[in-house]
Amino acid sequence: MILAIDVGNTNIVLGCIDGDECLFVERLSTVRTKTELEYAIDIKNVLDIYHIHRSDIEGGIVSSVVPQITNIVKLAVEKILKKEVLVVGAGIKTGLNIRMDNPAQLGSDLVVNAVAGIAEYPVPLLILDLGTANTVSVIDKNKNYIGGMIYPGIGVSLDSLTARASQLGGIGIEAPENIIGKNTVECMKSGIIYSSAAAIDGIIDRLQDELEGEATVIATGGLAKKIVPHCKREIILDDDLLLKGLAVIYRKNRKVQKSREEKR
């Protein structure tokens, strides 16, 4: 069993992967001021809720887009597991062929999503990750990561709207009963949900035109469940994608490490 953790700008996603099965997926708030011990307590509490003992976990792996706390989370996990934890980054083998101007600029979360997508689904692939920022990763028919898109996430767009319009208060991100809103709150909910869904549909159409054929489309991320059901294009929802990708990378690097040890 592997403990996999992804540190995002808003949430920390963690779960345990046993073989091909994801036993649970939970989210903690990303707090840049927390200490190593505080994160260790949070993670230990989640493991306790699911009755998972330290002895059941063979190792851990972390990916992060928040450099300030990457090492803090790594040390927190090591405090629990009493084992060295892998961090996705320089020196880690992913097997992903990145065909971009500067492969080093590609976020670790996008790398991990792509690794999982290639392992689980037919290519070409479009992987949508809907969170603080919305990202689209494009993998071609030869399993190359050829590029993608980044644009403001739903929460960011909504916060910007309410901050700049004094008469509009904060609202939840859920679809109203009707697309045509009958009051201000319904109009805002309809606008944010259906404009996001329509944007995704349009993005898929344009990217598939460039790929010159149909692609498998996968959506993941904290807000995917709220938006994807309102899209018109066929999209696979996969909440566990990133954690499954971390498990693939963990196993790949453990094999390399064992091979080196056997040669010594």
C-alpha atoms as a PDB file:
ATOM      1  CA  MET A   1       0.000   0.000   0.000  1.00  0.00           C
ATOM      2  CA  ILE A   2       1.259   3.467  -0.940  1.00  0.00           C
ATOM      3  CA  LEU A   3       0.403   6.823   0.628  1.00  0.00           C
ATOM      4  CA  ALA A   4       0.083   9.353  -2.214  1.00  0.00           C
ATOM      5  CA  ILE A   5      -0.202  13.102  -1.583  1.00  0.00           C
ATOM      6  CA  ASP A   6      -0.674  16.008  -3.979  1.00  0.00           C
ATOM      7  CA  VAL A   7      -0.169  19.526  -2.663  1.00  0.00           C
ATOM      8  CA  GLY A   8      -2.244  22.067  -4.582  1.00  0.00           C
ATOM      9  CA  ASN A   9      -2.761  25.793  -4.101  1.00  0.00           C
ATOM     10  CA  THR A  10      -6.105  25.336  -2.333  1.00  0.00           C
ATOM     11  CA  ASN A  11      -6.231  21.702  -1.222  1.00  0.00           C
ATOM     12  CA  ILE A  12      -3.924  18.845  -0.349  1.00  0.00           C
ATOM     13  CA  VAL A  13      -5.307  15.629  -1.820  1.00  0.00           C
ATOM     14  CA  LEU A  14      -4.244  12.385  -0.193  1.00  0.00           C
ATOM     15  CA  GLY A  15      -5.145   8.742  -0.499  1.00  0.00           C
ATOM     16  CA  CYS A  16      -3.857   5.206  -0.165  1.00  0.00           C
ATOM     17  CA  ILE A  17      -3.359   3.048  -3.248  1.00  0.00           C
ATOM     18  CA  ASP A  18      -3.359  -0.721  -2.797  1.00  0.00           C
ATOM     19  CA  GLY A  19      -2.450  -2.384  -6.098  1.00  0.00           C
ATOM     20  CA  ASP A  20      -4.849  -0.870  -8.622  1.00  0.00           C
ATOM     21  CA  GLU A  21      -7.402   0.164  -5.997  1.00  0.00           C
ATOM     22  CA  CYS A  22      -7.675   3.609  -4.447  1.00  0.00           C
ATOM     23  CA  LEU A  23      -8.874   2.976  -0.894  1.00  0.00           C
ATOM     24  CA  PHE A  24      -9.857   6.569  -0.177  1.00  0.00           C
ATOM     25  CA  VAL A  25      -9.444  10.142  -1.389  1.00  0.00           C
ATOM     26  CA  GLU A  26      -9.556  13.026   1.086  1.00  0.00           C
ATOM     27  CA  ARG A  27      -8.754  16.738   0.984  1.00  0.00           C
ATOM     28  CA  LEU A  28      -7.059  18.989   3.515  1.00  0.00           C
ATOM     29  CA  SER A  29      -6.759  22.765   3.229  1.00  0.00           C
ATOM     30  CA  THR A  30      -3.391  24.017   2.009  1.00  0.00           C
ATOM     31  CA  VAL A  31      -2.098  26.281   4.780  1.00  0.00           C
ATOM     32  CA  ARG A  32       1.315  27.779   4.122  1.00  0.00           C
ATOM     33  CA  THR A  33       1.935  28.638   7.785  1.00  0.00           C
ATOM     34  CA  LYS A  34       1.432  25.137   9.186  1.00  0.00           C
ATOM     35  CA  THR A  35       4.391  23.298  10.649  1.00  0.00           C
ATOM     36  CA  GLU A  36       5.677  19.830   9.850  1.00  0.00           C
ATOM     37  CA  LEU A  37       4.083  18.499  13.067  1.00  0.00           C
ATOM     38  CA  GLU A  38       0.691  20.080  12.308  1.00  0.00           C
ATOM     39  CA  TYR A  39       0.596  18.478   8.878  1.00  0.00           C
ATOM     40  CA  ALA A  40       1.728  15.150  10.361  1.00  0.00           C
ATOM     41  CA  ILE A  41      -1.190  15.277  12.816  1.00  0.00           C
ATOM     42  CA  ASP A  42      -3.669  16.096  10.029  1.00  0.00           C
ATOM     43  CA  ILE A  43      -2.439  13.241   7.811  1.00  0.00           C
ATOM     44  CA  LYS A  44      -2.311  10.787  10.743  1.00  0.00           C
ATOM     45  CA  ASN A  45      -5.904  11.682  11.645  1.00  0.00           C
ATOM     46  CA  VAL A  46      -7.055  10.862   8.107  1.00  0.00           C
ATOM     47  CA  LEU A  47      -5.257   7.490   8.203  1.00  0.00           C
ATOM     48  CA  ASP A  48      -6.830   6.747  11.601  1.00  0.00           C
ATOM     49  CA  ILE A  49     -10.318   7.511  10.269  1.00  0.00           C
ATOM     50  CA  TYR A  50      -9.810   4.816   7.609  1.00  0.00           C
ATOM     51  CA  HIS A  51      -8.164   2.417  10.107  1.00  0.00           C
ATOM     52  CA  ILE A  52      -4.897   2.353   8.176  1.00  0.00           C
ATOM     53  CA  HIS A  53      -1.803   1.619  10.241  1.00  0.00           C
ATOM     54  CA  ARG A  54       1.729   2.777   9.509  1.00  0.00           C
ATOM     55  CA  SER A  55       2.868  -0.834   9.169  1.00  0.00           C
ATOM     56  CA  ASP A  56       0.389  -1.342   6.294  1.00  0.00           C
ATOM     57  CA  ILE A  57       2.068   1.361   4.173  1.00  0.00           C
ATOM     58  CA  GLU A  58       5.199   0.427   2.245  1.00  0.00           C
ATOM     59  CA  GLY A  59       6.089   3.974   1.217  1.00  0.00           C
ATOM     60  CA  GLY A  60       4.941   7.437   0.229  1.00  0.00           C
ATOM     61  CA  ILE A  61       5.171   9.876  -2.658  1.00  0.00           C
ATOM     62  CA  VAL A  62       4.410  13.605  -2.855  1.00  0.00           C
ATOM     63  CA  SER A  63       3.783  15.968  -5.755  1.00  0.00           C
ATOM     64  CA  SER A  64       3.448  19.690  -5.139  1.00  0.00           C
ATOM     65  CA  VAL A  65       2.885  22.992  -6.897  1.00  0.00           C
ATOM     66  CA  VAL A  66       3.469  24.947  -3.671  1.00  0.00           C
ATOM     67  CA  PRO A  67       7.259  25.036  -3.226  1.00  0.00           C
ATOM     68  CA  GLN A  68       7.041  26.768   0.188  1.00  0.00           C
ATOM     69  CA  ILE A  69       5.536  23.692   1.842  1.00  0.00           C
ATOM     70  CA  THR A  70       6.726  20.802  -0.350  1.00  0.00           C
ATOM     71  CA  ASN A  71       9.509  19.806   2.032  1.00  0.00           C
ATOM     72  CA  ILE A  72       7.330  20.413   5.097  1.00  0.00           C
ATOM     73  CA  VAL A  73       4.731  17.924   3.822  1.00  0.00           C
ATOM     74  CA  LYS A  74       7.469  15.452   2.850  1.00  0.00           C
ATOM     75  CA  LEU A  75       8.963  15.588   6.343  1.00  0.00           C
ATOM     76  CA  ALA A  76       5.480  15.300   7.887  1.00  0.00           C
ATOM     77  CA  VAL A  77       4.836  12.062   5.967  1.00  0.00           C
ATOM     78  CA  GLU A  78       8.273  10.727   6.879  1.00  0.00           C
ATOM     79  CA  LYS A  79       7.506  11.477  10.542  1.00  0.00           C
ATOM     80  CA  ILE A  80       4.483   9.164  10.252  1.00  0.00           C
ATOM     81  CA  LEU A  81       5.907   6.407   8.047  1.00  0.00           C
ATOM     82  CA  LYS A  82       9.486   6.430   9.392  1.00  0.00           C
ATOM     83  CA  LYS A  83      10.597   5.925   5.773  1.00  0.00           C
ATOM     84  CA  GLU A  84      12.052   8.133   3.059  1.00  0.00           C
ATOM     85  CA  VAL A  85       9.337   9.659   0.867  1.00  0.00           C
ATOM     86  CA  LEU A  86       9.686  10.355  -2.863  1.00  0.00           C
ATOM     87  CA  VAL A  87       8.958  13.830  -4.251  1.00  0.00           C
ATOM     88  CA  VAL A  88       8.048  14.243  -7.924  1.00  0.00           C
ATOM     89  CA  GLY A  89      10.662  16.491  -9.497  1.00  0.00           C
ATOM     90  CA  ALA A  90      14.252  16.452 -10.686  1.00  0.00           C
ATOM     91  CA  GLY A  91      15.787  12.993 -10.534  1.00  0.00           C
ATOM     92  CA  ILE A  92      12.451  11.151 -10.471  1.00  0.00           C
ATOM     93  CA  LYS A  93      11.702   8.856 -13.408  1.00  0.00           C
ATOM     94  CA  THR A  94       8.215   9.350 -14.861  1.00  0.00           C
ATOM     95  CA  GLY A  95       8.542   7.794 -18.319  1.00  0.00           C
ATOM     96  CA  LEU A  96       6.695  10.795 -19.780  1.00  0.00           C
ATOM     97  CA  ASN A  97       8.024  12.235 -23.046  1.00  0.00           C
ATOM     98  CA  ILE A  98       7.423  15.996 -22.808  1.00  0.00           C
ATOM     99  CA  ARG A  99       7.521  17.825 -26.143  1.00  0.00           C
ATOM    100  CA  MET A 100       7.423  21.418 -24.910  1.00  0.00           C
ATOM    101  CA  ASP A 101       9.778  24.402 -25.163  1.00  0.00           C
ATOM    102  CA  ASN A 102      10.928  23.954 -21.566  1.00  0.00           C
ATOM    103  CA  PRO A 103       9.870  20.605 -20.066  1.00  0.00           C
ATOM    104  CA  ALA A 104      11.125  21.687 -16.633  1.00  0.00           C
ATOM    105  CA  GLN A 105       8.332  24.286 -16.464  1.00  0.00           C
ATOM    106  CA  LEU A 106       5.602  21.644 -16.547  1.00  0.00           C
ATOM    107  CA  GLY A 107       3.910  21.391 -13.147  1.00  0.00           C
ATOM    108  CA  SER A 108       4.336  18.125 -11.275  1.00  0.00           C
ATOM    109  CA  ASP A 109       0.552  17.703 -11.022  1.00  0.00           C
ATOM    110  CA  LEU A 110       0.236  17.833 -14.812  1.00  0.00           C
ATOM    111  CA  VAL A 111       3.068  15.328 -15.208  1.00  0.00           C
ATOM    112  CA  VAL A 112       1.392  12.935 -12.764  1.00  0.00           C
ATOM    113  CA  ASN A 113      -2.039  13.287 -14.396  1.00  0.00           C
ATOM    114  CA  ALA A 114      -0.495  12.535 -17.789  1.00  0.00           C
ATOM    115  CA  VAL A 115       1.335   9.453 -16.489  1.00  0.00           C
ATOM    116  CA  ALA A 116      -1.929   8.108 -15.037  1.00  0.00           C
ATOM    117  CA  GLY A 117      -3.916   8.949 -18.167  1.00  0.00           C
ATOM    118  CA  ILE A 118      -1.485   7.129 -20.454  1.00  0.00           C
ATOM    119  CA  ALA A 119      -1.487   4.099 -18.131  1.00  0.00           C
ATOM    120  CA  GLU A 120      -5.291   3.878 -17.964  1.00  0.00           C
ATOM    121  CA  TYR A 121      -6.846   5.269 -21.143  1.00  0.00           C
ATOM    122  CA  PRO A 122      -6.441   5.108 -24.938  1.00  0.00           C
ATOM    123  CA  VAL A 123      -4.522   7.958 -26.571  1.00  0.00           C
ATOM    124  CA  PRO A 124      -4.747  10.678 -27.783  1.00  0.00           C
ATOM    125  CA  LEU A 125      -5.852  12.240 -24.519  1.00  0.00           C
ATOM    126  CA  LEU A 126      -7.204  15.529 -23.245  1.00  0.00           C
ATOM    127  CA  ILE A 127      -6.930  15.787 -19.460  1.00  0.00           C
ATOM    128  CA  LEU A 128      -8.898  18.565 -17.757  1.00  0.00           C
ATOM    129  CA  ASP A 129      -7.954  19.404 -14.163  1.00  0.00           C
ATOM    130  CA  LEU A 130     -10.483  21.789 -12.629  1.00  0.00           C
ATOM    131  CA  GLY A 131      -9.211  23.463  -9.478  1.00  0.00           C
ATOM    132  CA  THR A 132      -7.811  26.845  -8.452  1.00  0.00           C
ATOM    133  CA  ALA A 133      -6.643  27.085 -12.049  1.00  0.00           C
ATOM    134  CA  ASN A 134      -8.145  25.069 -14.889  1.00  0.00           C
ATOM    135  CA  THR A 135      -5.574  23.171 -16.904  1.00  0.00           C
ATOM    136  CA  VAL A 136      -5.801  21.096 -20.058  1.00  0.00           C
ATOM    137  CA  SER A 137      -3.065  18.591 -20.902  1.00  0.00           C
ATOM    138  CA  VAL A 138      -2.780  17.249 -24.452  1.00  0.00           C
ATOM    139  CA  ILE A 139      -1.190  13.850 -25.101  1.00  0.00           C
ATOM    140  CA  ASP A 140      -0.882  12.808 -28.745  1.00  0.00           C
ATOM    141  CA  LYS A 141      -1.360   9.369 -30.335  1.00  0.00           C
ATOM    142  CA  ASN A 142       2.324   8.566 -29.705  1.00  0.00           C
ATOM    143  CA  LYS A 143       1.933   9.205 -25.945  1.00  0.00           C
ATOM    144  CA  ASN A 144       3.880  12.467 -26.091  1.00  0.00           C
ATOM    145  CA  TYR A 145       2.871  15.374 -23.868  1.00  0.00           C
ATOM    146  CA  ILE A 146       2.685  18.098 -26.507  1.00  0.00           C
ATOM    147  CA  GLY A 147       1.242  21.040 -24.541  1.00  0.00           C
ATOM    148  CA  GLY A 148      -2.001  22.360 -23.186  1.00  0.00           C
ATOM    149  CA  MET A 149      -3.862  25.298 -21.688  1.00  0.00           C
ATOM    150  CA  ILE A 150      -4.112  27.163 -18.380  1.00  0.00           C
ATOM    151  CA  TYR A 151      -6.976  29.517 -17.563  1.00  0.00           C
ATOM    152  CA  PRO A 152      -8.674  30.892 -14.414  1.00  0.00           C
ATOM    153  CA  GLY A 153     -10.489  28.381 -12.252  1.00  0.00           C
ATOM    154  CA  ILE A 154     -14.182  28.631 -11.455  1.00  0.00           C
ATOM    155  CA  GLY A 155     -13.621  29.821  -7.891  1.00  0.00           C
ATOM    156  CA  VAL A 156     -11.132  32.472  -9.027  1.00  0.00           C
ATOM    157  CA  SER A 157     -13.588  33.760 -11.655  1.00  0.00           C
ATOM    158  CA  LEU A 158     -16.442  33.875  -9.144  1.00  0.00           C
ATOM    159  CA  ASP A 159     -14.339  35.621  -6.500  1.00  0.00           C
ATOM    160  CA  SER A 160     -13.289  38.229  -9.053  1.00  0.00           C
ATOM    161  CA  LEU A 161     -16.906  38.838 -10.060  1.00  0.00           C
ATOM    162  CA  THR A 162     -18.193  39.280  -6.505  1.00  0.00           C
ATOM    163  CA  ALA A 163     -15.199  41.416  -5.478  1.00  0.00           C
ATOM    164  CA  ARG A 164     -15.717  43.895  -8.301  1.00  0.00           C
ATOM    165  CA  ALA A 165     -19.508  44.115  -8.196  1.00  0.00           C
ATOM    166  CA  SER A 166     -20.595  45.592  -4.859  1.00  0.00           C
ATOM    167  CA  GLN A 167     -24.215  44.404  -5.111  1.00  0.00           C
ATOM    168  CA  LEU A 168     -23.263  40.766  -5.662  1.00  0.00           C
ATOM    169  CA  GLY A 169     -22.637  38.621  -2.591  1.00  0.00           C
ATOM    170  CA  GLY A 170     -20.774  35.328  -2.345  1.00  0.00           C
ATOM    171  CA  ILE A 171     -22.632  32.295  -3.685  1.00  0.00           C
ATOM    172  CA  GLY A 172     -22.106  28.541  -3.770  1.00  0.00           C
ATOM    173  CA  ILE A 173     -20.968  26.773  -6.908  1.00  0.00           C
ATOM    174  CA  GLU A 174     -23.973  24.675  -7.821  1.00  0.00           C
ATOM    175  CA  ALA A 175     -26.357  24.755 -10.758  1.00  0.00           C
ATOM    176  CA  PRO A 176     -29.712  26.554 -10.357  1.00  0.00           C
ATOM    177  CA  GLU A 177     -32.984  24.851 -11.296  1.00  0.00           C
ATOM    178  CA  ASN A 178     -33.141  26.712 -14.618  1.00  0.00           C
ATOM    179  CA  ILE A 179     -30.488  27.958 -17.018  1.00  0.00           C
ATOM    180  CA  ILE A 180     -32.405  31.227 -17.315  1.00  0.00           C
ATOM    181  CA  GLY A 181     -32.041  32.669 -13.823  1.00  0.00           C
ATOM    182  CA  LYS A 182     -35.026  34.352 -12.155  1.00  0.00           C
ATOM    183  CA  ASN A 183     -33.065  36.344  -9.580  1.00  0.00           C
ATOM    184  CA  THR A 184     -29.528  37.669  -9.099  1.00  0.00           C
ATOM    185  CA  VAL A 185     -28.204  34.610  -7.278  1.00  0.00           C
ATOM    186  CA  GLU A 186     -29.671  32.202  -9.847  1.00  0.00           C
ATOM    187  CA  CYS A 187     -28.284  34.320 -12.682  1.00  0.00           C
ATOM    188  CA  MET A 188     -24.808  34.209 -11.136  1.00  0.00           C
ATOM    189  CA  LYS A 189     -24.949  30.470 -10.528  1.00  0.00           C
ATOM    190  CA  SER A 190     -26.187  29.810 -14.050  1.00  0.00           C
ATOM    191  CA  GLY A 191     -23.545  32.079 -15.523  1.00  0.00           C
ATOM    192  CA  ILE A 192     -20.614  30.522 -13.678  1.00  0.00           C
ATOM    193  CA  ILE A 193     -21.697  26.890 -14.168  1.00  0.00           C
ATOM    194  CA  TYR A 194     -22.861  26.997 -17.777  1.00  0.00           C
ATOM    195  CA  SER A 195     -20.188  29.353 -19.056  1.00  0.00           C
ATOM    196  CA  SER A 196     -17.595  26.964 -17.600  1.00  0.00           C
ATOM    197  CA  ALA A 197     -19.303  23.934 -19.159  1.00  0.00           C
ATOM    198  CA  ALA A 198     -19.624  25.682 -22.529  1.00  0.00           C
ATOM    199  CA  ALA A 199     -15.945  26.720 -22.377  1.00  0.00           C
ATOM    200  CA  ILE A 200     -14.933  23.091 -21.809  1.00  0.00           C
ATOM    201  CA  ASP A 201     -17.084  21.911 -24.729  1.00  0.00           C
ATOM    202  CA  GLY A 202     -15.541  24.556 -26.982  1.00  0.00           C
ATOM    203  CA  ILE A 203     -12.001  23.774 -25.861  1.00  0.00           C
ATOM    204  CA  ILE A 204     -12.518  20.069 -26.586  1.00  0.00           C
ATOM    205  CA  ASP A 205     -13.817  20.853 -30.091  1.00  0.00           C
ATOM    206  CA  ARG A 206     -10.874  23.095 -30.921  1.00  0.00           C
ATOM    207  CA  LEU A 207      -8.223  20.765 -29.545  1.00  0.00           C
ATOM    208  CA  GLN A 208      -9.680  17.775 -31.352  1.00  0.00           C
ATOM    209  CA  ASP A 209      -9.609  19.795 -34.573  1.00  0.00           C
ATOM    210  CA  GLU A 210      -5.896  20.384 -34.015  1.00  0.00           C
ATOM    211  CA  LEU A 211      -5.301  16.725 -33.161  1.00  0.00           C
ATOM    212  CA  GLU A 212      -7.226  15.805 -36.324  1.00  0.00           C
ATOM    213  CA  GLY A 213      -9.370  13.173 -34.655  1.00  0.00           C
ATOM    214  CA  GLU A 214     -11.277  12.042 -31.591  1.00  0.00           C
ATOM    215  CA  ALA A 215      -9.477  12.058 -28.259  1.00  0.00           C
ATOM    216  CA  THR A 216     -10.317  10.454 -24.930  1.00  0.00           C
ATOM    217  CA  VAL A 217     -11.341  13.280 -22.597  1.00  0.00           C
ATOM    218  CA  ILE A 218     -10.803  12.914 -18.846  1.00  0.00           C
ATOM    219  CA  ALA A 219     -11.718  15.383 -16.121  1.00  0.00           C
ATOM    220  CA  THR A 220     -10.358  15.464 -12.584  1.00  0.00           C
ATOM    221  CA  GLY A 221      -9.866  18.015  -9.814  1.00  0.00           C
ATOM    222  CA  GLY A 222     -11.942  19.343  -6.959  1.00  0.00           C
ATOM    223  CA  LEU A 223     -14.565  21.127  -9.085  1.00  0.00           C
ATOM    224  CA  ALA A 224     -14.900  18.631 -11.947  1.00  0.00           C
ATOM    225  CA  LYS A 225     -18.019  17.001 -10.470  1.00  0.00           C
ATOM    226  CA  LYS A 226     -19.828  20.338 -10.393  1.00  0.00           C
ATOM    227  CA  ILE A 227     -19.160  21.280 -14.020  1.00  0.00           C
ATOM    228  CA  VAL A 228     -18.720  18.144 -16.152  1.00  0.00           C
ATOM    229  CA  PRO A 229     -22.339  16.891 -15.771  1.00  0.00           C
ATOM    230  CA  HIS A 230     -23.435  20.084 -17.575  1.00  0.00           C
ATOM    231  CA  CYS A 231     -21.076  19.615 -20.530  1.00  0.00           C
ATOM    232  CA  LYS A 232     -22.380  18.294 -23.854  1.00  0.00           C
ATOM    233  CA  ARG A 233     -19.207  16.447 -24.854  1.00  0.00           C
ATOM    234  CA  GLU A 234     -18.377  12.951 -23.623  1.00  0.00           C
ATOM    235  CA  ILE A 235     -16.037  13.328 -20.647  1.00  0.00           C
ATOM    236  CA  ILE A 236     -14.813  10.666 -18.206  1.00  0.00           C
ATOM    237  CA  LEU A 237     -14.784  11.789 -14.568  1.00  0.00           C
ATOM    238  CA  ASP A 238     -11.819  10.334 -12.681  1.00  0.00           C
ATOM    239  CA  ASP A 239     -11.342  11.712  -9.144  1.00  0.00           C
ATOM    240  CA  ASP A 240      -8.492   9.303  -8.447  1.00  0.00           C
ATOM    241  CA  LEU A 241      -6.414  10.127 -11.530  1.00  0.00           C
ATOM    242  CA  LEU A 242      -3.639  12.059  -9.823  1.00  0.00           C
ATOM    243  CA  LEU A 243      -3.222   9.603  -6.965  1.00  0.00           C
ATOM    244  CA  LYS A 244      -3.114   6.681  -9.394  1.00  0.00           C
ATOM    245  CA  GLY A 245      -0.409   8.510 -11.353  1.00  0.00           C
ATOM    246  CA  LEU A 246       1.623   8.971  -8.183  1.00  0.00           C
ATOM    247  CA  ALA A 247       1.372   5.218  -7.539  1.00  0.00           C
ATOM    248  CA  VAL A 248       2.624   4.472 -11.073  1.00  0.00           C
ATOM    249  CA  ILE A 249       5.608   6.803 -10.603  1.00  0.00           C
ATOM    250  CA  TYR A 250       6.353   5.358  -7.159  1.00  0.00           C
ATOM    251  CA  ARG A 251       6.479   1.802  -8.506  1.00  0.00           C
ATOM    252  CA  LYS A 252       8.590   2.845 -11.489  1.00  0.00           C
ATOM    253  CA  ASN A 253      11.197   4.448  -9.221  1.00  0.00           C
ATOM    254  CA  ARG A 254      11.170   1.596  -6.717  1.00  0.00           C
ATOM    255  CA  LYS A 255      11.935  -0.840  -9.564  1.00  0.00           C
ATOM    256  CA  VAL A 256      14.864   1.326 -10.630  1.00  0.00           C
ATOM    257  CA  GLN A 257      16.114   1.504  -7.042  1.00  0.00           C
ATOM    258  CA  LYS A 258      15.849  -2.265  -6.548  1.00  0.00           C
ATOM    259  CA  SER A 259      17.664  -2.888  -9.812  1.00  0.00           C
ATOM    260  CA  ARG A 260      20.541  -0.650  -8.669  1.00  0.00           C
ATOM    261  CA  GLU A 261      20.708  -2.409  -5.318  1.00  0.00           C
ATOM    262  CA  GLU A 262      20.861  -5.831  -6.984  1.00  0.00           C
ATOM    263  CA  LYS A 263      23.800  -4.725  -9.144  1.00  0.00           C
ATOM    264  CA  ARG A 264      25.843  -3.640  -6.138  1.00  0.00           C
END
